[in-house]
């Protein structure tokens, strides 16, 4: 199907999203898994946030995503209910 093929712009955006995801994954992995084994006085620690944020940031992101999905669901149900009510009248 020709309309399902990705254009050049789609490919660039997809590559950008993959690159950003890889950077975030690498940073988070180094922060959470490797950093505890490095001496706390080492200079590399200044490039990372305090360890408490390693739990707080994903928790906040997950909560925001959950709230967004719930809000989207409520909006969908309300709009669908309006259409049914208009048809009944």
C-alpha atoms as a PDB file:
ATOM      1  CA  UNK A   1       0.000   0.000   0.000  1.00  0.00           C
ATOM      2  CA  UNK A   2       1.687   3.227  -1.111  1.00  0.00           C
ATOM      3  CA  UNK A   3       0.001   5.438   1.504  1.00  0.00           C
ATOM      4  CA  UNK A   4       1.584   3.427   4.332  1.00  0.00           C
ATOM      5  CA  UNK A   5       5.167   4.081   3.228  1.00  0.00           C
ATOM      6  CA  UNK A   6       7.216   6.462   5.316  1.00  0.00           C
ATOM      7  CA  UNK A   7       8.291   9.706   3.692  1.00  0.00           C
ATOM      8  CA  UNK A   8      11.724  11.253   4.152  1.00  0.00           C
ATOM      9  CA  UNK A   9      10.404  13.487   6.918  1.00  0.00           C
ATOM     10  CA  UNK A  10       8.879  10.499   8.730  1.00  0.00           C
ATOM     11  CA  UNK A  11      12.198   8.680   8.564  1.00  0.00           C
ATOM     12  CA  UNK A  12      14.136  11.672   9.914  1.00  0.00           C
ATOM     13  CA  UNK A  13      11.671  12.139  12.775  1.00  0.00           C
ATOM     14  CA  UNK A  14      11.807   8.411  13.534  1.00  0.00           C
ATOM     15  CA  UNK A  15      15.602   8.447  13.535  1.00  0.00           C
ATOM     16  CA  UNK A  16      15.578  11.462  15.846  1.00  0.00           C
ATOM     17  CA  UNK A  17      13.203   9.733  18.266  1.00  0.00           C
ATOM     18  CA  UNK A  18      15.352   6.602  18.283  1.00  0.00           C
ATOM     19  CA  UNK A  19      18.502   8.685  18.888  1.00  0.00           C
ATOM     20  CA  UNK A  20      16.908  10.598  21.788  1.00  0.00           C
ATOM     21  CA  UNK A  21      15.638   7.337  23.288  1.00  0.00           C
ATOM     22  CA  UNK A  22      19.091   5.771  23.075  1.00  0.00           C
ATOM     23  CA  UNK A  23      20.701   8.794  24.720  1.00  0.00           C
ATOM     24  CA  UNK A  24      18.165   8.781  27.567  1.00  0.00           C
ATOM     25  CA  UNK A  25      18.514   5.010  28.012  1.00  0.00           C
ATOM     26  CA  UNK A  26      22.311   5.218  28.106  1.00  0.00           C
ATOM     27  CA  UNK A  27      22.304   8.142  30.556  1.00  0.00           C
ATOM     28  CA  UNK A  28      19.760   6.462  32.868  1.00  0.00           C
ATOM     29  CA  UNK A  29      21.579   3.124  32.753  1.00  0.00           C
ATOM     30  CA  UNK A  30      24.889   4.741  33.642  1.00  0.00           C
ATOM     31  CA  UNK A  31      23.217   6.799  36.366  1.00  0.00           C
ATOM     32  CA  UNK A  32      21.392   3.930  38.049  1.00  0.00           C
ATOM     33  CA  UNK A  33      23.608   0.902  37.404  1.00  0.00           C
ATOM     34  CA  UNK A  34      27.182   2.128  36.973  1.00  0.00           C
ATOM     35  CA  UNK A  35      27.381   5.247  39.144  1.00  0.00           C
ATOM     36  CA  UNK A  36      26.927   3.480  42.516  1.00  0.00           C
ATOM     37  CA  UNK A  37      30.161   1.563  41.852  1.00  0.00           C
ATOM     38  CA  UNK A  38      32.203   4.726  41.223  1.00  0.00           C
ATOM     39  CA  UNK A  39      33.745   6.618  44.141  1.00  0.00           C
ATOM     40  CA  UNK A  40      31.465   9.464  45.259  1.00  0.00           C
ATOM     41  CA  UNK A  41      34.349  11.969  45.026  1.00  0.00           C
ATOM     42  CA  UNK A  42      34.961  11.203  41.335  1.00  0.00           C
ATOM     43  CA  UNK A  43      34.419  14.076  38.882  1.00  0.00           C
ATOM     44  CA  UNK A  44      31.827  12.099  36.867  1.00  0.00           C
ATOM     45  CA  UNK A  45      29.250  12.522  39.652  1.00  0.00           C
ATOM     46  CA  UNK A  46      28.802  16.204  38.812  1.00  0.00           C
ATOM     47  CA  UNK A  47      27.197  15.228  35.463  1.00  0.00           C
ATOM     48  CA  UNK A  48      24.360  13.291  37.117  1.00  0.00           C
ATOM     49  CA  UNK A  49      21.440  14.305  39.316  1.00  0.00           C
ATOM     50  CA  UNK A  50      21.173  13.000  42.898  1.00  0.00           C
ATOM     51  CA  UNK A  51      20.140   9.347  43.079  1.00  0.00           C
ATOM     52  CA  UNK A  52      16.719  10.139  44.608  1.00  0.00           C
ATOM     53  CA  UNK A  53      15.648  11.561  41.250  1.00  0.00           C
ATOM     54  CA  UNK A  54      16.317   8.174  39.623  1.00  0.00           C
ATOM     55  CA  UNK A  55      13.032   7.001  41.129  1.00  0.00           C
ATOM     56  CA  UNK A  56      11.149  10.317  41.250  1.00  0.00           C
ATOM     57  CA  UNK A  57      11.492  11.231  37.562  1.00  0.00           C
ATOM     58  CA  UNK A  58      10.159   7.939  36.093  1.00  0.00           C
ATOM     59  CA  UNK A  59       7.422   7.884  38.739  1.00  0.00           C
ATOM     60  CA  UNK A  60       6.312  11.420  37.827  1.00  0.00           C
ATOM     61  CA  UNK A  61       6.483  10.636  34.098  1.00  0.00           C
ATOM     62  CA  UNK A  62       4.403   7.493  34.596  1.00  0.00           C
ATOM     63  CA  UNK A  63       1.843   9.383  36.654  1.00  0.00           C
ATOM     64  CA  UNK A  64       1.560  12.109  34.009  1.00  0.00           C
ATOM     65  CA  UNK A  65       1.143   9.482  31.286  1.00  0.00           C
ATOM     66  CA  UNK A  66      -1.556   7.718  33.314  1.00  0.00           C
ATOM     67  CA  UNK A  67      -3.394  11.006  33.913  1.00  0.00           C
ATOM     68  CA  UNK A  68      -3.191  11.832  30.196  1.00  0.00           C
ATOM     69  CA  UNK A  69      -4.612   8.439  29.184  1.00  0.00           C
ATOM     70  CA  UNK A  70      -7.424   8.700  31.749  1.00  0.00           C
ATOM     71  CA  UNK A  71      -8.262  12.230  30.559  1.00  0.00           C
ATOM     72  CA  UNK A  72      -8.275  11.034  26.947  1.00  0.00           C
ATOM     73  CA  UNK A  73     -10.596   8.142  27.856  1.00  0.00           C
ATOM     74  CA  UNK A  74     -12.997  10.410  29.749  1.00  0.00           C
ATOM     75  CA  UNK A  75     -13.089  12.853  26.830  1.00  0.00           C
ATOM     76  CA  UNK A  76     -13.766  10.012  24.378  1.00  0.00           C
ATOM     77  CA  UNK A  77     -16.610   8.615  26.502  1.00  0.00           C
ATOM     78  CA  UNK A  78     -18.195  12.046  26.961  1.00  0.00           C
ATOM     79  CA  UNK A  79     -18.063  12.832  23.236  1.00  0.00           C
ATOM     80  CA  UNK A  80     -19.491   9.432  22.356  1.00  0.00           C
ATOM     81  CA  UNK A  81     -22.258   9.941  24.922  1.00  0.00           C
ATOM     82  CA  UNK A  82     -23.116  13.324  23.373  1.00  0.00           C
ATOM     83  CA  UNK A  83     -23.517  11.736  19.933  1.00  0.00           C
ATOM     84  CA  UNK A  84     -25.827   9.047  21.323  1.00  0.00           C
ATOM     85  CA  UNK A  85     -27.899  11.686  23.128  1.00  0.00           C
ATOM     86  CA  UNK A  86     -28.241  13.777  19.937  1.00  0.00           C
ATOM     87  CA  UNK A  87     -29.371  10.716  17.988  1.00  0.00           C
ATOM     88  CA  UNK A  88     -32.016   9.902  20.610  1.00  0.00           C
ATOM     89  CA  UNK A  89     -33.523  13.356  20.339  1.00  0.00           C
END
